[in-house]
Amino acid sequence: AGCSKGERAEIADKAKDAYHDTKSAVTRTWENVKSYTFEKRSDFALELKARQAELDAQLSRLRAEYSEEKASASRRAAMEELKNSEADYKAKLSALGTASADTWDAARDNVVAAWDRLQAAYAKARAD
């Protein structure tokens, strides 16, 4: 059984809408996370842990599908960038745990930047 051209277009439109709705929700949530103060650091940590759990599952699936022997040079480079980005994120996250009220904003912003880099590396690795 197949779908008509109109049904396929409708499904594609619904998928695009769902993607944009999800992206908007994530962006709004992440913008809120960026404004966490030192006093709200435990909430920030909880948000990061939830995001990390989701990412860990995605990375596990990606790595399970990856075969270095069969990978192109660009795919190997993308996977290396992903590995480096993940290490950088974990280092920034560790530094966040020792941030004081005076260093909180910079440490938080470093984590956000490292997270964004990690997400970009993940997207690139998925695309290759």
C-alpha atoms as a PDB file:
ATOM      1  CA  ALA A   1       0.000   0.000   0.000  1.00  0.00           C
ATOM      2  CA  GLY A   2       1.301   3.406  -0.880  1.00  0.00           C
ATOM      3  CA  CYS A   3       0.423   6.992  -0.290  1.00  0.00           C
ATOM      4  CA  SER A   4      -0.777   9.352  -2.945  1.00  0.00           C
ATOM      5  CA  LYS A   5       1.367  12.335  -3.870  1.00  0.00           C
ATOM      6  CA  GLY A   6      -0.998  14.598  -1.896  1.00  0.00           C
ATOM      7  CA  GLU A   7      -0.815  12.375   1.196  1.00  0.00           C
ATOM      8  CA  ARG A   8       2.986  12.325   1.037  1.00  0.00           C
ATOM      9  CA  ALA A   9       3.063  16.116   0.776  1.00  0.00           C
ATOM     10  CA  GLU A  10       0.691  16.424   3.740  1.00  0.00           C
ATOM     11  CA  ILE A  11       2.856  14.075   5.817  1.00  0.00           C
ATOM     12  CA  ALA A  12       5.971  16.019   4.835  1.00  0.00           C
ATOM     13  CA  ASP A  13       4.304  19.297   5.843  1.00  0.00           C
ATOM     14  CA  LYS A  14       3.281  17.858   9.213  1.00  0.00           C
ATOM     15  CA  ALA A  15       6.822  16.602   9.809  1.00  0.00           C
ATOM     16  CA  LYS A  16       8.255  20.037   8.981  1.00  0.00           C
ATOM     17  CA  ASP A  17       5.775  21.702  11.326  1.00  0.00           C
ATOM     18  CA  ALA A  18       6.632  19.269  14.133  1.00  0.00           C
ATOM     19  CA  TYR A  19      10.346  19.864  13.552  1.00  0.00           C
ATOM     20  CA  HIS A  20       9.957  23.647  13.693  1.00  0.00           C
ATOM     21  CA  ASP A  21       7.711  23.467  16.775  1.00  0.00           C
ATOM     22  CA  THR A  22      10.247  21.275  18.544  1.00  0.00           C
ATOM     23  CA  LYS A  23      13.141  23.484  17.476  1.00  0.00           C
ATOM     24  CA  SER A  24      11.308  26.577  18.721  1.00  0.00           C
ATOM     25  CA  ALA A  25      10.555  24.946  22.071  1.00  0.00           C
ATOM     26  CA  VAL A  26      14.159  23.834  22.497  1.00  0.00           C
ATOM     27  CA  THR A  27      15.450  27.277  21.548  1.00  0.00           C
ATOM     28  CA  ARG A  28      13.104  28.979  24.020  1.00  0.00           C
ATOM     29  CA  THR A  29      14.098  26.541  26.745  1.00  0.00           C
ATOM     30  CA  TRP A  30      17.800  26.966  26.011  1.00  0.00           C
ATOM     31  CA  GLU A  31      17.441  30.750  26.013  1.00  0.00           C
ATOM     32  CA  ASN A  32      15.909  30.455  29.494  1.00  0.00           C
ATOM     33  CA  VAL A  33      18.762  28.218  30.598  1.00  0.00           C
ATOM     34  CA  LYS A  34      21.283  30.816  29.454  1.00  0.00           C
ATOM     35  CA  SER A  35      19.807  33.296  31.919  1.00  0.00           C
ATOM     36  CA  TYR A  36      20.184  31.106  35.033  1.00  0.00           C
ATOM     37  CA  THR A  37      21.862  32.964  37.851  1.00  0.00           C
ATOM     38  CA  PHE A  38      24.297  31.558  40.372  1.00  0.00           C
ATOM     39  CA  GLU A  39      21.396  31.118  42.785  1.00  0.00           C
ATOM     40  CA  LYS A  40      19.627  28.932  40.205  1.00  0.00           C
ATOM     41  CA  ARG A  41      22.687  26.783  39.480  1.00  0.00           C
ATOM     42  CA  SER A  42      21.014  23.587  40.718  1.00  0.00           C
ATOM     43  CA  ASP A  43      18.179  24.118  38.210  1.00  0.00           C
ATOM     44  CA  PHE A  44      20.777  24.732  35.520  1.00  0.00           C
ATOM     45  CA  ALA A  45      22.533  21.495  36.456  1.00  0.00           C
ATOM     46  CA  LEU A  46      19.264  19.551  36.257  1.00  0.00           C
ATOM     47  CA  GLU A  47      18.544  20.964  32.808  1.00  0.00           C
ATOM     48  CA  LEU A  48      22.026  20.031  31.626  1.00  0.00           C
ATOM     49  CA  LYS A  49      21.698  16.501  33.018  1.00  0.00           C
ATOM     50  CA  ALA A  50      18.441  15.994  31.128  1.00  0.00           C
ATOM     51  CA  ARG A  51      19.982  17.281  27.916  1.00  0.00           C
ATOM     52  CA  GLN A  52      23.076  15.155  28.472  1.00  0.00           C
ATOM     53  CA  ALA A  53      20.985  12.002  28.937  1.00  0.00           C
ATOM     54  CA  GLU A  54      19.224  12.634  25.619  1.00  0.00           C
ATOM     55  CA  LEU A  55      22.507  13.340  23.875  1.00  0.00           C
ATOM     56  CA  ASP A  56      24.166  10.241  25.336  1.00  0.00           C
ATOM     57  CA  ALA A  57      21.413   8.087  23.843  1.00  0.00           C
ATOM     58  CA  GLN A  58      21.812   9.793  20.463  1.00  0.00           C
ATOM     59  CA  LEU A  59      25.589   9.416  20.573  1.00  0.00           C
ATOM     60  CA  SER A  60      25.300   5.735  21.457  1.00  0.00           C
ATOM     61  CA  ARG A  61      23.088   5.120  18.423  1.00  0.00           C
ATOM     62  CA  LEU A  62      25.424   7.124  16.191  1.00  0.00           C
ATOM     63  CA  ARG A  63      28.501   5.281  17.392  1.00  0.00           C
ATOM     64  CA  ALA A  64      26.779   1.906  17.015  1.00  0.00           C
ATOM     65  CA  GLU A  65      26.077   2.734  13.355  1.00  0.00           C
ATOM     66  CA  TYR A  66      29.620   3.994  12.724  1.00  0.00           C
ATOM     67  CA  SER A  67      32.309   1.833  11.207  1.00  0.00           C
ATOM     68  CA  GLU A  68      35.703   3.459  10.894  1.00  0.00           C
ATOM     69  CA  GLU A  69      36.807   0.950   8.249  1.00  0.00           C
ATOM     70  CA  LYS A  70      33.862   1.874   6.006  1.00  0.00           C
ATOM     71  CA  ALA A  71      33.787   5.594   6.818  1.00  0.00           C
ATOM     72  CA  SER A  72      34.824   8.273   4.379  1.00  0.00           C
ATOM     73  CA  ALA A  73      37.519  10.758   5.321  1.00  0.00           C
ATOM     74  CA  SER A  74      34.904  13.428   5.969  1.00  0.00           C
ATOM     75  CA  ARG A  75      32.912  11.077   8.208  1.00  0.00           C
ATOM     76  CA  ARG A  76      36.049  10.184  10.205  1.00  0.00           C
ATOM     77  CA  ALA A  77      36.822  13.898  10.572  1.00  0.00           C
ATOM     78  CA  ALA A  78      33.243  14.589  11.704  1.00  0.00           C
ATOM     79  CA  MET A  79      33.432  11.800  14.286  1.00  0.00           C
ATOM     80  CA  GLU A  80      36.780  13.150  15.544  1.00  0.00           C
ATOM     81  CA  GLU A  81      35.269  16.636  15.867  1.00  0.00           C
ATOM     82  CA  LEU A  82      32.364  15.108  17.777  1.00  0.00           C
ATOM     83  CA  LYS A  83      34.774  13.365  20.151  1.00  0.00           C
ATOM     84  CA  ASN A  84      36.724  16.596  20.707  1.00  0.00           C
ATOM     85  CA  SER A  85      33.548  18.638  21.198  1.00  0.00           C
ATOM     86  CA  GLU A  86      32.236  16.150  23.732  1.00  0.00           C
ATOM     87  CA  ALA A  87      35.511  16.281  25.688  1.00  0.00           C
ATOM     88  CA  ASP A  88      35.447  20.091  25.635  1.00  0.00           C
ATOM     89  CA  TYR A  89      31.834  20.149  26.848  1.00  0.00           C
ATOM     90  CA  LYS A  90      32.611  17.769  29.704  1.00  0.00           C
ATOM     91  CA  ALA A  91      35.597  19.893  30.735  1.00  0.00           C
ATOM     92  CA  LYS A  92      33.486  23.071  30.727  1.00  0.00           C
ATOM     93  CA  LEU A  93      30.748  21.283  32.653  1.00  0.00           C
ATOM     94  CA  SER A  94      33.269  20.153  35.251  1.00  0.00           C
ATOM     95  CA  ALA A  95      34.553  23.726  35.607  1.00  0.00           C
ATOM     96  CA  LEU A  96      30.981  24.893  36.098  1.00  0.00           C
ATOM     97  CA  GLY A  97      30.783  22.781  39.237  1.00  0.00           C
ATOM     98  CA  THR A  98      33.536  24.813  40.845  1.00  0.00           C
ATOM     99  CA  ALA A  99      32.292  28.226  39.715  1.00  0.00           C
ATOM    100  CA  SER A 100      31.787  30.897  42.341  1.00  0.00           C
ATOM    101  CA  ALA A 101      29.212  33.660  42.256  1.00  0.00           C
ATOM    102  CA  ASP A 102      31.875  35.881  40.660  1.00  0.00           C
ATOM    103  CA  THR A 103      32.797  33.399  37.920  1.00  0.00           C
ATOM    104  CA  TRP A 104      29.335  31.898  37.355  1.00  0.00           C
ATOM    105  CA  ASP A 105      28.304  33.923  34.293  1.00  0.00           C
ATOM    106  CA  ALA A 106      31.500  33.145  32.397  1.00  0.00           C
ATOM    107  CA  ALA A 107      31.430  29.460  33.359  1.00  0.00           C
ATOM    108  CA  ARG A 108      27.737  29.166  32.398  1.00  0.00           C
ATOM    109  CA  ASP A 109      28.367  30.882  29.064  1.00  0.00           C
ATOM    110  CA  ASN A 110      31.328  28.564  28.404  1.00  0.00           C
ATOM    111  CA  VAL A 111      29.088  25.539  28.973  1.00  0.00           C
ATOM    112  CA  VAL A 112      26.436  26.963  26.652  1.00  0.00           C
ATOM    113  CA  ALA A 113      29.025  27.622  23.928  1.00  0.00           C
ATOM    114  CA  ALA A 114      30.523  24.139  24.346  1.00  0.00           C
ATOM    115  CA  TRP A 115      27.035  22.606  24.188  1.00  0.00           C
ATOM    116  CA  ASP A 116      26.266  24.499  20.983  1.00  0.00           C
ATOM    117  CA  ARG A 117      29.561  23.301  19.469  1.00  0.00           C
ATOM    118  CA  LEU A 118      28.769  19.737  20.533  1.00  0.00           C
ATOM    119  CA  GLN A 119      25.316  19.928  18.945  1.00  0.00           C
ATOM    120  CA  ALA A 120      26.817  21.251  15.705  1.00  0.00           C
ATOM    121  CA  ALA A 121      29.403  18.456  15.701  1.00  0.00           C
ATOM    122  CA  TYR A 122      26.681  15.877  16.297  1.00  0.00           C
ATOM    123  CA  ALA A 123      24.599  17.255  13.422  1.00  0.00           C
ATOM    124  CA  LYS A 124      27.618  17.148  11.125  1.00  0.00           C
ATOM    125  CA  ALA A 125      28.469  13.596  12.147  1.00  0.00           C
ATOM    126  CA  ARG A 126      24.872  12.521  11.498  1.00  0.00           C
ATOM    127  CA  ALA A 127      24.898  14.174   8.072  1.00  0.00           C
ATOM    128  CA  ASP A 128      28.124  12.595   6.840  1.00  0.00           C
END
